[in-house]
PDB file of all heavy atoms in Angstrom:
ATOM      1  N   HIS A   1      44.403 -81.503 -39.652  1.00  0.00           N
ATOM      2  CA  HIS A   1      43.300 -81.014 -40.445  1.00  0.00           C
ATOM      3  C   HIS A   1      43.855 -80.014 -41.460  1.00  0.00           C
ATOM      4  O   HIS A   1      44.634 -79.166 -41.140  1.00  0.00           O
ATOM      5  CB  HIS A   1      42.265 -80.451 -39.580  1.00  0.00           C
ATOM      6  CG  HIS A   1      41.542 -81.379 -38.631  1.00  0.00           C
ATOM      7  ND1 HIS A   1      42.101 -81.919 -37.517  1.00  0.00           N
ATOM      8  CD2 HIS A   1      40.339 -81.967 -38.787  1.00  0.00           C
ATOM      9  CE1 HIS A   1      41.276 -82.707 -36.931  1.00  0.00           C
ATOM     10  NE2 HIS A   1      40.154 -82.760 -37.683  1.00  0.00           N
ATOM     11  N   LEU A   2      43.339 -80.092 -42.703  1.00  0.00           N
ATOM     12  CA  LEU A   2      43.934 -79.254 -43.707  1.00  0.00           C
ATOM     13  C   LEU A   2      43.031 -77.953 -43.904  1.00  0.00           C
ATOM     14  O   LEU A   2      41.876 -78.059 -44.195  1.00  0.00           O
ATOM     15  CB  LEU A   2      43.906 -80.021 -45.105  1.00  0.00           C
ATOM     16  CG  LEU A   2      44.775 -81.301 -44.961  1.00  0.00           C
ATOM     17  CD1 LEU A   2      44.691 -82.142 -46.240  1.00  0.00           C
ATOM     18  CD2 LEU A   2      46.282 -80.980 -44.616  1.00  0.00           C
ATOM     19  N   VAL A   3      43.620 -76.873 -43.534  1.00  0.00           N
ATOM     20  CA  VAL A   3      42.972 -75.578 -43.483  1.00  0.00           C
ATOM     21  C   VAL A   3      43.376 -74.764 -44.720  1.00  0.00           C
ATOM     22  O   VAL A   3      44.461 -74.990 -45.319  1.00  0.00           O
ATOM     23  CB  VAL A   3      43.235 -74.767 -42.174  1.00  0.00           C
ATOM     24  CG1 VAL A   3      42.985 -75.673 -40.972  1.00  0.00           C
ATOM     25  CG2 VAL A   3      44.584 -74.252 -42.224  1.00  0.00           C
ATOM     26  N   SER A   4      42.588 -73.762 -45.108  1.00  0.00           N
ATOM     27  CA  SER A   4      43.034 -72.824 -46.165  1.00  0.00           C
ATOM     28  C   SER A   4      44.086 -71.935 -45.642  1.00  0.00           C
ATOM     29  O   SER A   4      43.865 -71.159 -44.744  1.00  0.00           O
ATOM     30  CB  SER A   4      41.799 -71.987 -46.625  1.00  0.00           C
ATOM     31  OG  SER A   4      42.268 -70.892 -47.306  1.00  0.00           O
ATOM     32  N   PRO A   5      45.392 -72.023 -46.131  1.00  0.00           N
ATOM     33  CA  PRO A   5      46.402 -71.127 -45.665  1.00  0.00           C
ATOM     34  C   PRO A   5      46.091 -69.666 -45.949  1.00  0.00           C
ATOM     35  O   PRO A   5      46.408 -68.881 -45.137  1.00  0.00           O
ATOM     36  CB  PRO A   5      47.593 -71.625 -46.502  1.00  0.00           C
ATOM     37  CG  PRO A   5      47.346 -72.943 -46.901  1.00  0.00           C
ATOM     38  CD  PRO A   5      45.843 -73.013 -47.152  1.00  0.00           C
ATOM     39  N   THR A   6      45.370 -69.416 -46.985  1.00  0.00           N
ATOM     40  CA  THR A   6      45.100 -68.042 -47.332  1.00  0.00           C
ATOM     41  C   THR A   6      44.201 -67.407 -46.192  1.00  0.00           C
ATOM     42  O   THR A   6      44.423 -66.353 -45.694  1.00  0.00           O
ATOM     43  CB  THR A   6      44.343 -67.933 -48.718  1.00  0.00           C
ATOM     44  OG1 THR A   6      45.182 -68.507 -49.723  1.00  0.00           O
ATOM     45  CG2 THR A   6      44.015 -66.455 -49.045  1.00  0.00           C
ATOM     46  N   ALA A   7      43.131 -68.122 -45.861  1.00  0.00           N
ATOM     47  CA  ALA A   7      42.205 -67.697 -44.856  1.00  0.00           C
ATOM     48  C   ALA A   7      42.847 -67.647 -43.462  1.00  0.00           C
ATOM     49  O   ALA A   7      42.626 -66.767 -42.682  1.00  0.00           O
ATOM     50  CB  ALA A   7      40.925 -68.513 -44.831  1.00  0.00           C
ATOM     51  N   TYR A   8      43.623 -68.692 -43.138  1.00  0.00           N
ATOM     52  CA  TYR A   8      44.198 -68.757 -41.864  1.00  0.00           C
ATOM     53  C   TYR A   8      45.174 -67.655 -41.642  1.00  0.00           C
ATOM     54  O   TYR A   8      45.203 -67.030 -40.585  1.00  0.00           O
ATOM     55  CB  TYR A   8      44.855 -70.154 -41.632  1.00  0.00           C
ATOM     56  CG  TYR A   8      45.178 -70.506 -40.171  1.00  0.00           C
ATOM     57  CD1 TYR A   8      44.458 -71.374 -39.545  1.00  0.00           C
ATOM     58  CD2 TYR A   8      46.382 -69.985 -39.649  1.00  0.00           C
ATOM     59  CE1 TYR A   8      44.725 -71.697 -38.206  1.00  0.00           C
ATOM     60  CE2 TYR A   8      46.750 -70.298 -38.349  1.00  0.00           C
ATOM     61  CZ  TYR A   8      45.860 -71.175 -37.645  1.00  0.00           C
ATOM     62  OH  TYR A   8      46.231 -71.486 -36.344  1.00  0.00           O
ATOM     63  N   GLN A   9      46.114 -67.435 -42.577  1.00  0.00           N
ATOM     64  CA  GLN A   9      47.170 -66.445 -42.403  1.00  0.00           C
ATOM     65  C   GLN A   9      46.597 -65.022 -42.391  1.00  0.00           C
ATOM     66  O   GLN A   9      47.185 -64.120 -41.804  1.00  0.00           O
ATOM     67  CB  GLN A   9      48.155 -66.622 -43.585  1.00  0.00           C
ATOM     68  CG  GLN A   9      49.048 -67.860 -43.399  1.00  0.00           C
ATOM     69  CD  GLN A   9      49.988 -68.057 -44.597  1.00  0.00           C
ATOM     70  OE1 GLN A   9      49.498 -68.006 -45.764  1.00  0.00           O
ATOM     71  NE2 GLN A   9      51.208 -68.226 -44.342  1.00  0.00           N
ATOM     72  N   ALA A  10      45.477 -64.803 -43.070  1.00  0.00           N
ATOM     73  CA  ALA A  10      44.907 -63.450 -43.058  1.00  0.00           C
ATOM     74  C   ALA A  10      44.582 -62.977 -41.628  1.00  0.00           C
ATOM     75  O   ALA A  10      44.730 -61.799 -41.265  1.00  0.00           O
ATOM     76  CB  ALA A  10      43.646 -63.410 -43.899  1.00  0.00           C
ATOM     77  N   ASP A  11      44.078 -63.917 -40.739  1.00  0.00           N
ATOM     78  CA  ASP A  11      43.709 -63.581 -39.395  1.00  0.00           C
ATOM     79  C   ASP A  11      43.413 -64.841 -38.611  1.00  0.00           C
ATOM     80  O   ASP A  11      42.292 -65.258 -38.562  1.00  0.00           O
ATOM     81  CB  ASP A  11      42.455 -62.621 -39.349  1.00  0.00           C
ATOM     82  CG  ASP A  11      42.168 -62.032 -37.984  1.00  0.00           C
ATOM     83  OD1 ASP A  11      42.695 -62.625 -36.992  1.00  0.00           O
ATOM     84  OD2 ASP A  11      41.464 -61.084 -37.918  1.00  0.00           O
ATOM     85  N   PRO A  12      44.498 -65.376 -37.997  1.00  0.00           N
ATOM     86  CA  PRO A  12      44.238 -66.707 -37.281  1.00  0.00           C
ATOM     87  C   PRO A  12      43.171 -66.566 -36.176  1.00  0.00           C
ATOM     88  O   PRO A  12      42.506 -67.579 -35.996  1.00  0.00           O
ATOM     89  CB  PRO A  12      45.662 -66.874 -36.642  1.00  0.00           C
ATOM     90  CG  PRO A  12      46.603 -66.170 -37.542  1.00  0.00           C
ATOM     91  CD  PRO A  12      45.908 -64.964 -37.929  1.00  0.00           C
ATOM     92  N   VAL A  13      43.057 -65.497 -35.494  1.00  0.00           N
ATOM     93  CA  VAL A  13      42.126 -65.341 -34.430  1.00  0.00           C
ATOM     94  C   VAL A  13      40.663 -65.423 -34.939  1.00  0.00           C
ATOM     95  O   VAL A  13      39.809 -66.181 -34.535  1.00  0.00           O
ATOM     96  CB  VAL A  13      42.362 -64.043 -33.621  1.00  0.00           C
ATOM     97  CG1 VAL A  13      41.190 -63.872 -32.586  1.00  0.00           C
ATOM     98  CG2 VAL A  13      43.684 -64.077 -32.948  1.00  0.00           C
ATOM     99  N   ALA A  14      40.499 -64.662 -36.049  1.00  0.00           N
ATOM    100  CA  ALA A  14      39.202 -64.654 -36.659  1.00  0.00           C
ATOM    101  C   ALA A  14      38.886 -66.002 -37.325  1.00  0.00           C
ATOM    102  O   ALA A  14      37.683 -66.464 -37.286  1.00  0.00           O
ATOM    103  CB  ALA A  14      39.043 -63.521 -37.713  1.00  0.00           C
ATOM    104  N   PHE A  15      39.895 -66.663 -37.864  1.00  0.00           N
ATOM    105  CA  PHE A  15      39.694 -67.954 -38.462  1.00  0.00           C
ATOM    106  C   PHE A  15      39.091 -68.968 -37.504  1.00  0.00           C
ATOM    107  O   PHE A  15      38.293 -69.788 -37.871  1.00  0.00           O
ATOM    108  CB  PHE A  15      41.054 -68.428 -39.058  1.00  0.00           C
ATOM    109  CG  PHE A  15      40.918 -69.793 -39.739  1.00  0.00           C
ATOM    110  CD1 PHE A  15      40.758 -69.849 -41.114  1.00  0.00           C
ATOM    111  CD2 PHE A  15      40.967 -70.983 -39.057  1.00  0.00           C
ATOM    112  CE1 PHE A  15      40.741 -71.052 -41.789  1.00  0.00           C
ATOM    113  CE2 PHE A  15      40.933 -72.157 -39.689  1.00  0.00           C
ATOM    114  CZ  PHE A  15      40.729 -72.247 -41.068  1.00  0.00           C
ATOM    115  N   ALA A  16      39.599 -68.877 -36.224  1.00  0.00           N
ATOM    116  CA  ALA A  16      39.148 -69.848 -35.202  1.00  0.00           C
ATOM    117  C   ALA A  16      37.582 -69.783 -35.003  1.00  0.00           C
ATOM    118  O   ALA A  16      37.047 -70.769 -34.526  1.00  0.00           O
ATOM    119  CB  ALA A  16      39.814 -69.602 -33.892  1.00  0.00           C
ATOM    120  N   GLN A  17      37.023 -68.681 -35.373  1.00  0.00           N
ATOM    121  CA  GLN A  17      35.578 -68.604 -35.244  1.00  0.00           C
ATOM    122  C   GLN A  17      34.826 -68.568 -36.520  1.00  0.00           C
ATOM    123  O   GLN A  17      33.594 -68.766 -36.636  1.00  0.00           O
ATOM    124  CB  GLN A  17      35.245 -67.236 -34.508  1.00  0.00           C
ATOM    125  CG  GLN A  17      35.872 -67.145 -33.139  1.00  0.00           C
ATOM    126  CD  GLN A  17      35.560 -68.283 -32.206  1.00  0.00           C
ATOM    127  OE1 GLN A  17      34.379 -68.773 -32.283  1.00  0.00           O
ATOM    128  NE2 GLN A  17      36.447 -68.604 -31.402  1.00  0.00           N
ATOM    129  N   ASN A  18      35.574 -68.455 -37.676  1.00  0.00           N
ATOM    130  CA  ASN A  18      34.997 -68.555 -38.984  1.00  0.00           C
ATOM    131  C   ASN A  18      35.897 -69.458 -39.890  1.00  0.00           C
ATOM    132  O   ASN A  18      36.588 -68.998 -40.768  1.00  0.00           O
ATOM    133  CB  ASN A  18      34.918 -67.160 -39.632  1.00  0.00           C
ATOM    134  CG  ASN A  18      33.845 -66.338 -38.789  1.00  0.00           C
ATOM    135  OD1 ASN A  18      32.672 -66.478 -39.085  1.00  0.00           O
ATOM    136  ND2 ASN A  18      34.374 -65.406 -37.951  1.00  0.00           N
ATOM    137  N   PRO A  19      35.850 -70.729 -39.682  1.00  0.00           N
ATOM    138  CA  PRO A  19      36.795 -71.680 -40.290  1.00  0.00           C
ATOM    139  C   PRO A  19      36.601 -71.863 -41.783  1.00  0.00           C
ATOM    140  O   PRO A  19      35.454 -71.783 -42.260  1.00  0.00           O
ATOM    141  CB  PRO A  19      36.575 -72.983 -39.566  1.00  0.00           C
ATOM    142  CG  PRO A  19      35.173 -72.888 -39.080  1.00  0.00           C
ATOM    143  CD  PRO A  19      34.941 -71.501 -38.743  1.00  0.00           C
ATOM    144  N   VAL A  20      37.634 -72.164 -42.504  1.00  0.00           N
ATOM    145  CA  VAL A  20      37.549 -72.441 -43.940  1.00  0.00           C
ATOM    146  C   VAL A  20      38.391 -73.681 -44.168  1.00  0.00           C
ATOM    147  O   VAL A  20      39.651 -73.738 -44.046  1.00  0.00           O
ATOM    148  CB  VAL A  20      38.172 -71.271 -44.776  1.00  0.00           C
ATOM    149  CG1 VAL A  20      38.089 -71.593 -46.236  1.00  0.00           C
ATOM    150  CG2 VAL A  20      37.381 -69.970 -44.496  1.00  0.00           C
ATOM    151  N   GLY A  21      37.753 -74.756 -44.534  1.00  0.00           N
ATOM    152  CA  GLY A  21      38.462 -75.975 -44.930  1.00  0.00           C
ATOM    153  C   GLY A  21      38.050 -76.434 -46.300  1.00  0.00           C
ATOM    154  O   GLY A  21      37.637 -75.594 -47.156  1.00  0.00           O
ATOM    155  N   SER A  22      38.077 -77.714 -46.617  1.00  0.00           N
ATOM    156  CA  SER A  22      37.694 -78.202 -47.864  1.00  0.00           C
ATOM    157  C   SER A  22      36.633 -79.378 -47.717  1.00  0.00           C
ATOM    158  O   SER A  22      36.379 -80.102 -48.629  1.00  0.00           O
ATOM    159  CB  SER A  22      38.881 -78.851 -48.605  1.00  0.00           C
ATOM    160  OG  SER A  22      39.575 -79.860 -47.850  1.00  0.00           O
ATOM    161  N   GLY A  23      36.192 -79.565 -46.461  1.00  0.00           N
ATOM    162  CA  GLY A  23      35.314 -80.707 -46.140  1.00  0.00           C
ATOM    163  C   GLY A  23      33.941 -80.666 -46.772  1.00  0.00           C
ATOM    164  O   GLY A  23      33.548 -79.817 -47.530  1.00  0.00           O
ATOM    165  N   ALA A  24      33.143 -81.709 -46.356  1.00  0.00           N
ATOM    166  CA  ALA A  24      31.842 -81.922 -46.959  1.00  0.00           C
ATOM    167  C   ALA A  24      30.853 -80.787 -46.563  1.00  0.00           C
ATOM    168  O   ALA A  24      29.918 -80.615 -47.289  1.00  0.00           O
ATOM    169  CB  ALA A  24      31.280 -83.249 -46.488  1.00  0.00           C
TER     170      ALA A  24
END
């Protein structure tokens, strides 16, 4: 699954609960 590297690298733990993708 393609995630936003910017959002993921900023805080992987927080990202898991507030995901940022490119989907519909």
